Structure formats: structure tokens, C-alpha cells
Amino acid sequence: MDALLLIVLVLVVAAVAVWFVQNRRRTSATSLQDAQAEARRWVERLGGQVYSLDAGDNAPARQALADASERFTAAGAQVDQARSEQQYRLAQQTAYEGLYYVRAARTSMGLDPGPELPAVPGQQQAGAVTEDRQVQVDGRQFEASPDPSDRASHYYPGGMVAGKPVPRGWYSEPWWKPALVAGAWGVGTYLIASSLFAGMAGVGAWSADGGYDAGYEDGLADAQADGGELGDGGDAAGGYDAGGYDAGGYDAGGSDWGGGGDWGGGGGGDFGGGGGDF
């Protein structure tokens, strides 16, 4: 009798274990499908806006739409290659960033920018440009402004780049891209940022001119001794690589957009639409 009871108990435990494993697999597959669908939905909305807007001769809007198009291409590739929920969320995050550029383009064109977007990772920490500022670094002039203009036609939605804040705003050129691509700040790029943002209200903490954080003093000394720069692509006097966007520059692990997020609230808010309306 005891042996029979033991056999029954073992069978029950085995059946529960099999049910648990199968249920977990079904739940995981459903979550993956939901993440894929959500990412594709946002990528499609971004594409609808990119292809429906015409910036005309508005230079800031043209540049913002070009950047949005880059994000659309990157997000589409990420969705096609994704195999996990985290990878689909990274693609969705890239689409969100692209929609920030669309929003900037619409603002530059005098159109309704549309509903607010959730913040991308590090955006709130980085803050926003709150005043017009022009600085000279190595004989070159760099500008930052809260508003678009022919002199400040490069938008950035704000975020942490290689551990340092680059606030939301309009710039004369995308000087942060070397740090974004290389994952480290060169001395020249750091000087541009610290000069532009030191003492500006509303931006993330930056040292005053020449006041480097721990570790940068040694890097600056080494760069001066070698006659070179610290890190890859940080030469403020040379040409900046305004080429391909590194879609992996953000860590999707720190931000969970969740399912069902929508611009208009509920299921009916669609940023895209065939005619480009919100």
C-alpha cells in the first residue's frame, strides 16, 4: 500500500512539473509575440510620419527628418533580427527616439508636435538646453539653443552619452556622435560639452571650463604629452563623423516600455495615420 501511494505521489509531482513547464513556455511565447507586435506597431508609426512629412526648405526640419529616417531604418533592422523581449524593446526604444526627431521637425515647421512621448533612458537626467549659447573651442564655434534655427539645425532628444548628459536641444553640429559611437569621451568632445553647458540651468551636471571629473585630468595630460586625443573620434578641430547611427548606444535593459503604450491613450491614439495626422 505504501509503495502504491509513493508511485501515485511521484506521478502527481511529475504531472504538475510537466504542466508548469508547458505553461511557462506558453506564457513566454505569448510575451514574446506581444513584444514583437508592440515594437512593429511603433516602427510602422515612425515610418508613416517619416514618409508623410515634407520639410521643404526648412533646414532644421530636414535634418530632423533625416535623423528620424535613420532611426526608422535601424529600428526595422532590430525588429527583424530580434529574438528576445529585450531586443524587441530596444527596437521599440529606437522607434521612440525617431518619433522625437519627428516631433522636433514638426515643431520647426510650425506644426502641432503631437502628444508627449515617454522619456528615453537618461533623458530626464540630461535635462534640456534653456538658453542660447555660443562658444569657441580650438578656433571653431559651437552653438546650443532651445529653439531651431539655420545656425542650430541639429536636434538631439537628450540622454546620457557614454555616462555624460547631453541635454535636449538644437545644436550647430552633432559633436556628441564620436562619444556615442566610441562609447567614450575624447578630450576635444568633452571640452565642447563642458564649455556649452557649464553653469546652464536645467541641464545635467557638467564641470566648469577645464574642470574635468576624476580620471579626465590624467587623460588630458596624456593627450597633451602625446599631441593627440583621448579616446576615439574626440578631435574638436577635425571632422566629426555624422554617419551611421549606433542603435546599440542605449541600454534597453534600463527601460521597460511595457506593452500597450499608446500616444493617444487606449487603443485609438495613432501618431501615424495615412495622412500624417496625429
C-alpha atoms as a PDB file:
ATOM      1  CA  MET A   1       0.000   0.000   0.000  1.00  0.00           C
ATOM      2  CA  ASP A   2       2.823   2.362   0.882  1.00  0.00           C
ATOM      3  CA  ALA A   3       4.556   1.570  -2.402  1.00  0.00           C
ATOM      4  CA  LEU A   4       1.368   2.300  -4.359  1.00  0.00           C
ATOM      5  CA  LEU A   5       0.919   5.604  -2.554  1.00  0.00           C
ATOM      6  CA  LEU A   6       4.501   6.558  -3.314  1.00  0.00           C
ATOM      7  CA  ILE A   7       4.027   5.749  -7.005  1.00  0.00           C
ATOM      8  CA  VAL A   8       0.873   7.878  -7.150  1.00  0.00           C
ATOM      9  CA  LEU A   9       2.647  10.742  -5.406  1.00  0.00           C
ATOM     10  CA  VAL A  10       5.557  10.588  -7.869  1.00  0.00           C
ATOM     11  CA  LEU A  11       3.143  10.611 -10.815  1.00  0.00           C
ATOM     12  CA  VAL A  12       1.277  13.617  -9.437  1.00  0.00           C
ATOM     13  CA  VAL A  13       4.510  15.543  -8.889  1.00  0.00           C
ATOM     14  CA  ALA A  14       5.665  14.671 -12.413  1.00  0.00           C
ATOM     15  CA  ALA A  15       2.343  15.794 -13.905  1.00  0.00           C
ATOM     16  CA  VAL A  16       2.495  19.117 -12.030  1.00  0.00           C
ATOM     17  CA  ALA A  17       6.077  19.655 -13.199  1.00  0.00           C
ATOM     18  CA  VAL A  18       5.143  18.999 -16.835  1.00  0.00           C
ATOM     19  CA  TRP A  19       2.156  21.343 -16.585  1.00  0.00           C
ATOM     20  CA  PHE A  20       4.317  24.064 -15.038  1.00  0.00           C
ATOM     21  CA  VAL A  21       6.971  23.817 -17.739  1.00  0.00           C
ATOM     22  CA  GLN A  22       4.413  23.855 -20.569  1.00  0.00           C
ATOM     23  CA  ASN A  23       2.525  26.761 -19.042  1.00  0.00           C
ATOM     24  CA  ARG A  24       5.735  28.730 -18.631  1.00  0.00           C
ATOM     25  CA  ARG A  25       6.636  28.103 -22.255  1.00  0.00           C
ATOM     26  CA  ARG A  26       3.203  29.257 -23.424  1.00  0.00           C
ATOM     27  CA  THR A  27       3.445  32.398 -21.286  1.00  0.00           C
ATOM     28  CA  SER A  28       6.936  33.135 -22.587  1.00  0.00           C
ATOM     29  CA  ALA A  29       5.847  32.660 -26.206  1.00  0.00           C
ATOM     30  CA  THR A  30       2.845  34.953 -25.692  1.00  0.00           C
ATOM     31  CA  SER A  31       5.021  37.648 -24.087  1.00  0.00           C
ATOM     32  CA  LEU A  32       7.485  37.430 -26.965  1.00  0.00           C
ATOM     33  CA  GLN A  33       4.703  37.769 -29.532  1.00  0.00           C
ATOM     34  CA  ASP A  34       3.259  40.755 -27.659  1.00  0.00           C
ATOM     35  CA  ALA A  35       6.692  42.443 -27.540  1.00  0.00           C
ATOM     36  CA  GLN A  36       7.161  41.842 -31.262  1.00  0.00           C
ATOM     37  CA  ALA A  37       3.740  43.254 -32.132  1.00  0.00           C
ATOM     38  CA  GLU A  38       4.264  46.340 -29.966  1.00  0.00           C
ATOM     39  CA  ALA A  39       7.680  47.045 -31.482  1.00  0.00           C
ATOM     40  CA  ARG A  40       6.388  46.635 -35.026  1.00  0.00           C
ATOM     41  CA  ARG A  41       3.456  48.945 -34.299  1.00  0.00           C
ATOM     42  CA  TRP A  42       5.754  51.781 -33.206  1.00  0.00           C
ATOM     43  CA  VAL A  43       8.168  51.227 -36.075  1.00  0.00           C
ATOM     44  CA  GLU A  44       5.268  51.442 -38.536  1.00  0.00           C
ATOM     45  CA  ARG A  45       4.064  54.678 -36.936  1.00  0.00           C
ATOM     46  CA  LEU A  46       7.520  56.149 -37.239  1.00  0.00           C
ATOM     47  CA  GLY A  47       7.667  55.153 -40.902  1.00  0.00           C
ATOM     48  CA  GLY A  48       4.266  56.711 -41.556  1.00  0.00           C
ATOM     49  CA  GLN A  49       5.470  60.051 -40.185  1.00  0.00           C
ATOM     50  CA  VAL A  50       8.840  59.960 -41.929  1.00  0.00           C
ATOM     51  CA  TYR A  51       7.216  59.407 -45.323  1.00  0.00           C
ATOM     52  CA  SER A  52       4.255  61.725 -44.876  1.00  0.00           C
ATOM     53  CA  LEU A  53       6.098  64.904 -43.829  1.00  0.00           C
ATOM     54  CA  ASP A  54       7.722  67.272 -46.307  1.00  0.00           C
ATOM     55  CA  ALA A  55      10.147  69.725 -44.707  1.00  0.00           C
ATOM     56  CA  GLY A  56      10.575  71.821 -47.845  1.00  0.00           C
ATOM     57  CA  ASP A  57      13.389  74.342 -47.426  1.00  0.00           C
ATOM     58  CA  ASN A  58      13.251  74.235 -43.617  1.00  0.00           C
ATOM     59  CA  ALA A  59      16.825  73.180 -42.799  1.00  0.00           C
ATOM     60  CA  PRO A  60      16.266  72.131 -39.154  1.00  0.00           C
ATOM     61  CA  ALA A  61      13.173  70.108 -40.100  1.00  0.00           C
ATOM     62  CA  ARG A  62      15.017  68.426 -42.992  1.00  0.00           C
ATOM     63  CA  GLN A  63      17.857  67.401 -40.690  1.00  0.00           C
ATOM     64  CA  ALA A  64      15.467  66.147 -38.000  1.00  0.00           C
ATOM     65  CA  LEU A  65      13.568  64.065 -40.554  1.00  0.00           C
ATOM     66  CA  ALA A  66      16.852  62.657 -41.875  1.00  0.00           C
ATOM     67  CA  ASP A  67      17.738  61.589 -38.330  1.00  0.00           C
ATOM     68  CA  ALA A  68      14.246  60.137 -37.886  1.00  0.00           C
ATOM     69  CA  SER A  69      14.723  58.159 -41.091  1.00  0.00           C
ATOM     70  CA  GLU A  70      17.977  56.721 -39.729  1.00  0.00           C
ATOM     71  CA  ARG A  71      16.156  55.566 -36.601  1.00  0.00           C
ATOM     72  CA  PHE A  72      13.374  54.070 -38.715  1.00  0.00           C
ATOM     73  CA  THR A  73      15.902  52.029 -40.680  1.00  0.00           C
ATOM     74  CA  ALA A  74      17.720  50.969 -37.512  1.00  0.00           C
ATOM     75  CA  ALA A  75      14.510  50.046 -35.677  1.00  0.00           C
ATOM     76  CA  GLY A  76      13.275  47.994 -38.621  1.00  0.00           C
ATOM     77  CA  ALA A  77      16.548  46.055 -38.726  1.00  0.00           C
ATOM     78  CA  GLN A  78      16.400  45.486 -34.979  1.00  0.00           C
ATOM     79  CA  VAL A  79      12.862  44.093 -35.188  1.00  0.00           C
ATOM     80  CA  ASP A  80      13.859  41.726 -37.996  1.00  0.00           C
ATOM     81  CA  GLN A  81      16.831  40.436 -36.016  1.00  0.00           C
ATOM     82  CA  ALA A  82      15.214  40.344 -32.560  1.00  0.00           C
ATOM     83  CA  ARG A  83      14.857  37.006 -30.803  1.00  0.00           C
ATOM     84  CA  SER A  84      14.033  38.133 -27.256  1.00  0.00           C
ATOM     85  CA  GLU A  85      11.702  40.533 -25.473  1.00  0.00           C
ATOM     86  CA  GLN A  86      14.633  42.773 -24.565  1.00  0.00           C
ATOM     87  CA  GLN A  87      15.700  43.029 -28.207  1.00  0.00           C
ATOM     88  CA  TYR A  88      12.174  43.936 -29.277  1.00  0.00           C
ATOM     89  CA  ARG A  89      12.067  46.597 -26.565  1.00  0.00           C
ATOM     90  CA  LEU A  90      15.342  48.008 -27.854  1.00  0.00           C
ATOM     91  CA  ALA A  91      13.785  48.289 -31.316  1.00  0.00           C
ATOM     92  CA  GLN A  92      10.737  49.967 -29.804  1.00  0.00           C
ATOM     93  CA  GLN A  93      13.009  52.390 -27.957  1.00  0.00           C
ATOM     94  CA  THR A  94      14.786  53.247 -31.213  1.00  0.00           C
ATOM     95  CA  ALA A  95      11.388  53.952 -32.783  1.00  0.00           C
ATOM     96  CA  TYR A  96      10.527  56.233 -29.862  1.00  0.00           C
ATOM     97  CA  GLU A  97      13.730  58.155 -30.427  1.00  0.00           C
ATOM     98  CA  GLY A  98      12.891  58.509 -34.105  1.00  0.00           C
ATOM     99  CA  LEU A  99       9.486  59.912 -33.153  1.00  0.00           C
ATOM    100  CA  TYR A 100      11.238  62.515 -31.007  1.00  0.00           C
ATOM    101  CA  TYR A 101      13.019  63.677 -34.160  1.00  0.00           C
ATOM    102  CA  VAL A 102       9.687  63.749 -35.995  1.00  0.00           C
ATOM    103  CA  ARG A 103       8.282  65.813 -33.166  1.00  0.00           C
ATOM    104  CA  ALA A 104      11.218  68.220 -33.466  1.00  0.00           C
ATOM    105  CA  ALA A 105      10.705  68.506 -37.217  1.00  0.00           C
ATOM    106  CA  ARG A 106       7.035  69.320 -36.768  1.00  0.00           C
ATOM    107  CA  THR A 107       7.911  71.970 -34.187  1.00  0.00           C
ATOM    108  CA  SER A 108      10.413  73.534 -36.581  1.00  0.00           C
ATOM    109  CA  MET A 109       7.741  73.597 -39.284  1.00  0.00           C
ATOM    110  CA  GLY A 110       5.254  75.335 -37.003  1.00  0.00           C
ATOM    111  CA  LEU A 111       3.000  72.261 -36.788  1.00  0.00           C
ATOM    112  CA  ASP A 112       1.419  70.715 -33.726  1.00  0.00           C
ATOM    113  CA  PRO A 113       4.144  68.412 -32.343  1.00  0.00           C
ATOM    114  CA  GLY A 114       1.547  65.965 -31.146  1.00  0.00           C
ATOM    115  CA  PRO A 115       1.184  64.132 -27.832  1.00  0.00           C
ATOM    116  CA  GLU A 116       4.100  63.702 -25.461  1.00  0.00           C
ATOM    117  CA  LEU A 117       6.326  60.642 -25.661  1.00  0.00           C
ATOM    118  CA  PRO A 118       7.652  58.604 -22.761  1.00  0.00           C
ATOM    119  CA  ALA A 119      11.168  59.666 -21.828  1.00  0.00           C
ATOM    120  CA  VAL A 120      14.044  57.711 -23.363  1.00  0.00           C
ATOM    121  CA  PRO A 121      16.674  56.417 -20.917  1.00  0.00           C
ATOM    122  CA  GLY A 122      18.695  59.226 -19.355  1.00  0.00           C
ATOM    123  CA  GLN A 123      16.625  61.983 -20.953  1.00  0.00           C
ATOM    124  CA  GLN A 124      15.294  63.455 -17.725  1.00  0.00           C
ATOM    125  CA  GLN A 125      18.691  63.216 -16.094  1.00  0.00           C
ATOM    126  CA  ALA A 126      20.296  65.071 -19.022  1.00  0.00           C
ATOM    127  CA  GLY A 127      17.784  67.920 -18.910  1.00  0.00           C
ATOM    128  CA  ALA A 128      17.278  70.461 -21.677  1.00  0.00           C
ATOM    129  CA  VAL A 129      19.078  73.433 -23.184  1.00  0.00           C
ATOM    130  CA  THR A 130      17.495  76.528 -21.641  1.00  0.00           C
ATOM    131  CA  GLU A 131      19.375  79.386 -23.280  1.00  0.00           C
ATOM    132  CA  ASP A 132      21.199  80.305 -26.474  1.00  0.00           C
ATOM    133  CA  ARG A 133      24.916  79.803 -26.068  1.00  0.00           C
ATOM    134  CA  GLN A 134      27.888  80.151 -28.398  1.00  0.00           C
ATOM    135  CA  VAL A 135      31.407  79.002 -27.514  1.00  0.00           C
ATOM    136  CA  GLN A 136      34.763  78.831 -29.227  1.00  0.00           C
ATOM    137  CA  VAL A 137      36.739  75.579 -28.922  1.00  0.00           C
ATOM    138  CA  ASP A 138      40.011  75.155 -30.808  1.00  0.00           C
ATOM    139  CA  GLY A 139      39.097  78.016 -33.110  1.00  0.00           C
ATOM    140  CA  ARG A 140      35.687  76.618 -34.009  1.00  0.00           C
ATOM    141  CA  GLN A 141      32.315  77.979 -32.955  1.00  0.00           C
ATOM    142  CA  PHE A 142      29.679  75.712 -31.450  1.00  0.00           C
ATOM    143  CA  GLU A 143      26.122  76.705 -30.619  1.00  0.00           C
ATOM    144  CA  ALA A 144      23.320  75.334 -28.490  1.00  0.00           C
ATOM    145  CA  SER A 145      19.762  76.611 -28.387  1.00  0.00           C
ATOM    146  CA  PRO A 146      16.347  75.545 -27.102  1.00  0.00           C
ATOM    147  CA  ASP A 147      14.889  76.543 -30.492  1.00  0.00           C
ATOM    148  CA  PRO A 148      15.697  75.514 -34.077  1.00  0.00           C
ATOM    149  CA  SER A 149      17.408  77.914 -36.455  1.00  0.00           C
ATOM    150  CA  ASP A 150      19.641  77.821 -39.519  1.00  0.00           C
ATOM    151  CA  ARG A 151      22.635  78.056 -37.145  1.00  0.00           C
ATOM    152  CA  ALA A 152      21.321  75.390 -34.771  1.00  0.00           C
ATOM    153  CA  SER A 153      19.762  72.806 -37.070  1.00  0.00           C
ATOM    154  CA  HIS A 154      20.798  69.529 -35.394  1.00  0.00           C
ATOM    155  CA  TYR A 155      18.358  68.239 -32.814  1.00  0.00           C
ATOM    156  CA  TYR A 156      19.101  65.816 -30.003  1.00  0.00           C
ATOM    157  CA  PRO A 157      16.278  64.457 -27.809  1.00  0.00           C
ATOM    158  CA  GLY A 158      18.539  64.273 -24.756  1.00  0.00           C
ATOM    159  CA  GLY A 159      20.120  61.395 -22.919  1.00  0.00           C
ATOM    160  CA  MET A 160      23.278  60.019 -21.376  1.00  0.00           C
ATOM    161  CA  VAL A 161      26.113  59.526 -23.847  1.00  0.00           C
ATOM    162  CA  ALA A 162      28.993  57.411 -22.528  1.00  0.00           C
ATOM    163  CA  GLY A 163      27.939  58.301 -18.987  1.00  0.00           C
ATOM    164  CA  LYS A 164      27.650  62.056 -19.537  1.00  0.00           C
ATOM    165  CA  PRO A 165      24.486  64.127 -20.101  1.00  0.00           C
ATOM    166  CA  VAL A 166      23.732  65.657 -23.482  1.00  0.00           C
ATOM    167  CA  PRO A 167      20.595  67.765 -22.924  1.00  0.00           C
ATOM    168  CA  ARG A 168      17.634  68.001 -25.253  1.00  0.00           C
ATOM    169  CA  GLY A 169      18.007  70.879 -27.668  1.00  0.00           C
ATOM    170  CA  TRP A 170      19.258  72.171 -31.007  1.00  0.00           C
ATOM    171  CA  TYR A 171      22.934  72.351 -31.920  1.00  0.00           C
ATOM    172  CA  SER A 172      25.139  73.711 -34.676  1.00  0.00           C
ATOM    173  CA  GLU A 173      26.510  70.210 -35.319  1.00  0.00           C
ATOM    174  CA  PRO A 174      26.259  66.714 -33.815  1.00  0.00           C
ATOM    175  CA  TRP A 175      29.520  66.944 -31.855  1.00  0.00           C
ATOM    176  CA  TRP A 176      28.381  64.170 -29.441  1.00  0.00           C
ATOM    177  CA  LYS A 177      28.435  61.434 -32.098  1.00  0.00           C
ATOM    178  CA  PRO A 178      32.087  60.429 -31.604  1.00  0.00           C
ATOM    179  CA  ALA A 179      31.377  59.701 -27.929  1.00  0.00           C
ATOM    180  CA  LEU A 180      28.128  57.909 -28.845  1.00  0.00           C
ATOM    181  CA  VAL A 181      29.854  55.629 -31.352  1.00  0.00           C
ATOM    182  CA  ALA A 182      33.107  55.062 -29.433  1.00  0.00           C
ATOM    183  CA  GLY A 183      31.449  54.743 -26.026  1.00  0.00           C
ATOM    184  CA  ALA A 184      33.987  57.144 -24.514  1.00  0.00           C
ATOM    185  CA  TRP A 185      34.569  60.891 -24.482  1.00  0.00           C
ATOM    186  CA  GLY A 186      37.594  62.346 -26.204  1.00  0.00           C
ATOM    187  CA  VAL A 187      39.187  65.422 -24.674  1.00  0.00           C
ATOM    188  CA  GLY A 188      38.026  67.654 -27.532  1.00  0.00           C
ATOM    189  CA  THR A 189      34.420  66.481 -27.351  1.00  0.00           C
ATOM    190  CA  TYR A 190      34.426  66.842 -23.578  1.00  0.00           C
ATOM    191  CA  LEU A 191      35.715  70.417 -23.868  1.00  0.00           C
ATOM    192  CA  ILE A 192      32.883  71.306 -26.249  1.00  0.00           C
ATOM    193  CA  ALA A 193      30.245  69.936 -23.881  1.00  0.00           C
ATOM    194  CA  SER A 194      31.692  71.414 -20.720  1.00  0.00           C
ATOM    195  CA  SER A 195      32.044  74.802 -22.415  1.00  0.00           C
ATOM    196  CA  LEU A 196      28.486  74.753 -23.767  1.00  0.00           C
ATOM    197  CA  PHE A 197      26.740  73.598 -20.605  1.00  0.00           C
ATOM    198  CA  ALA A 198      28.799  74.760 -17.624  1.00  0.00           C
ATOM    199  CA  GLY A 199      26.543  76.851 -15.416  1.00  0.00           C
ATOM    200  CA  MET A 200      23.473  76.452 -17.639  1.00  0.00           C
ATOM    201  CA  ALA A 201      20.270  75.957 -15.679  1.00  0.00           C
ATOM    202  CA  GLY A 202      18.225  72.887 -16.490  1.00  0.00           C
ATOM    203  CA  VAL A 203      20.997  70.606 -17.755  1.00  0.00           C
ATOM    204  CA  GLY A 204      22.778  67.679 -16.162  1.00  0.00           C
ATOM    205  CA  ALA A 205      25.909  68.361 -14.129  1.00  0.00           C
ATOM    206  CA  TRP A 206      28.907  69.470 -16.169  1.00  0.00           C
ATOM    207  CA  SER A 207      32.198  70.804 -14.862  1.00  0.00           C
ATOM    208  CA  ALA A 208      33.145  74.402 -15.494  1.00  0.00           C
ATOM    209  CA  ASP A 209      35.592  75.116 -18.312  1.00  0.00           C
ATOM    210  CA  GLY A 210      38.643  72.941 -17.760  1.00  0.00           C
ATOM    211  CA  GLY A 211      37.270  71.257 -14.638  1.00  0.00           C
ATOM    212  CA  TYR A 212      37.341  67.576 -15.542  1.00  0.00           C
ATOM    213  CA  ASP A 213      35.838  64.810 -13.492  1.00  0.00           C
ATOM    214  CA  ALA A 214      38.019  62.165 -11.911  1.00  0.00           C
ATOM    215  CA  GLY A 215      40.227  60.493 -14.489  1.00  0.00           C
ATOM    216  CA  TYR A 216      39.993  63.219 -17.135  1.00  0.00           C
ATOM    217  CA  GLU A 217      42.901  65.221 -15.753  1.00  0.00           C
ATOM    218  CA  ASP A 218      45.246  62.303 -16.420  1.00  0.00           C
ATOM    219  CA  GLY A 219      43.729  61.720 -19.838  1.00  0.00           C
ATOM    220  CA  LEU A 220      44.147  65.369 -20.750  1.00  0.00           C
ATOM    221  CA  ALA A 221      47.771  65.339 -19.621  1.00  0.00           C
ATOM    222  CA  ASP A 222      48.485  62.177 -21.618  1.00  0.00           C
ATOM    223  CA  ALA A 223      46.793  63.604 -24.710  1.00  0.00           C
ATOM    224  CA  GLN A 224      48.794  66.817 -24.462  1.00  0.00           C
ATOM    225  CA  ALA A 225      52.023  64.899 -23.968  1.00  0.00           C
ATOM    226  CA  ASP A 226      51.312  62.676 -26.970  1.00  0.00           C
ATOM    227  CA  GLY A 227      49.982  65.520 -29.099  1.00  0.00           C
ATOM    228  CA  GLY A 228      46.811  63.531 -29.622  1.00  0.00           C
ATOM    229  CA  GLU A 229      43.370  62.998 -28.206  1.00  0.00           C
ATOM    230  CA  LEU A 230      41.898  60.809 -25.531  1.00  0.00           C
ATOM    231  CA  GLY A 231      39.720  58.077 -26.988  1.00  0.00           C
ATOM    232  CA  ASP A 232      38.417  57.573 -30.499  1.00  0.00           C
ATOM    233  CA  GLY A 233      36.973  60.363 -32.566  1.00  0.00           C
ATOM    234  CA  GLY A 234      37.221  63.142 -29.978  1.00  0.00           C
ATOM    235  CA  ASP A 235      39.028  65.708 -32.093  1.00  0.00           C
ATOM    236  CA  ALA A 236      37.172  69.001 -31.827  1.00  0.00           C
ATOM    237  CA  ALA A 237      39.290  70.603 -34.506  1.00  0.00           C
ATOM    238  CA  GLY A 238      38.884  67.772 -37.000  1.00  0.00           C
ATOM    239  CA  GLY A 239      35.930  66.425 -38.884  1.00  0.00           C
ATOM    240  CA  TYR A 240      33.136  64.758 -36.997  1.00  0.00           C
ATOM    241  CA  ASP A 241      31.610  61.542 -38.170  1.00  0.00           C
ATOM    242  CA  ALA A 242      27.982  62.367 -38.807  1.00  0.00           C
ATOM    243  CA  GLY A 243      27.439  58.978 -40.327  1.00  0.00           C
ATOM    244  CA  GLY A 244      25.570  55.939 -39.189  1.00  0.00           C
ATOM    245  CA  TYR A 245      23.632  55.931 -36.009  1.00  0.00           C
ATOM    246  CA  ASP A 246      24.721  53.333 -33.479  1.00  0.00           C
ATOM    247  CA  ALA A 247      21.423  51.856 -32.468  1.00  0.00           C
ATOM    248  CA  GLY A 248      23.124  49.970 -29.686  1.00  0.00           C
ATOM    249  CA  GLY A 249      24.198  53.111 -27.930  1.00  0.00           C
ATOM    250  CA  TYR A 250      21.384  52.861 -25.420  1.00  0.00           C
ATOM    251  CA  ASP A 251      20.879  50.162 -22.878  1.00  0.00           C
ATOM    252  CA  ALA A 252      17.420  48.759 -23.277  1.00  0.00           C
ATOM    253  CA  GLY A 253      17.804  46.884 -20.060  1.00  0.00           C
ATOM    254  CA  GLY A 254      17.278  50.028 -18.064  1.00  0.00           C
ATOM    255  CA  SER A 255      13.947  50.890 -19.564  1.00  0.00           C
ATOM    256  CA  ASP A 256      10.849  48.785 -19.945  1.00  0.00           C
ATOM    257  CA  TRP A 257       8.344  50.454 -22.205  1.00  0.00           C
ATOM    258  CA  GLY A 258       5.831  47.765 -21.390  1.00  0.00           C
ATOM    259  CA  GLY A 259       3.018  46.657 -23.542  1.00  0.00           C
ATOM    260  CA  GLY A 260       0.117  48.615 -24.816  1.00  0.00           C
ATOM    261  CA  GLY A 261       1.710  52.031 -24.617  1.00  0.00           C
ATOM    262  CA  ASP A 262      -0.041  54.382 -26.971  1.00  0.00           C
ATOM    263  CA  TRP A 263       0.163  58.070 -27.804  1.00  0.00           C
ATOM    264  CA  GLY A 264      -3.467  58.875 -27.686  1.00  0.00           C
ATOM    265  CA  GLY A 265      -4.300  56.696 -24.706  1.00  0.00           C
ATOM    266  CA  GLY A 266      -6.237  53.498 -25.056  1.00  0.00           C
ATOM    267  CA  GLY A 267      -6.206  51.708 -28.364  1.00  0.00           C
ATOM    268  CA  GLY A 268      -7.169  54.529 -30.681  1.00  0.00           C
ATOM    269  CA  GLY A 269      -4.331  57.005 -30.377  1.00  0.00           C
ATOM    270  CA  ASP A 270      -2.301  56.693 -33.567  1.00  0.00           C
ATOM    271  CA  PHE A 271       0.583  59.055 -34.192  1.00  0.00           C
ATOM    272  CA  GLY A 272       0.986  57.880 -37.769  1.00  0.00           C
ATOM    273  CA  GLY A 273      -2.023  57.515 -39.972  1.00  0.00           C
ATOM    274  CA  GLY A 274      -2.139  57.569 -43.687  1.00  0.00           C
ATOM    275  CA  GLY A 275      -2.305  61.345 -43.957  1.00  0.00           C
ATOM    276  CA  GLY A 276       0.284  62.146 -41.364  1.00  0.00           C
ATOM    277  CA  ASP A 277      -2.222  63.406 -38.773  1.00  0.00           C
ATOM    278  CA  PHE A 278      -1.973  62.633 -35.077  1.00  0.00           C
END
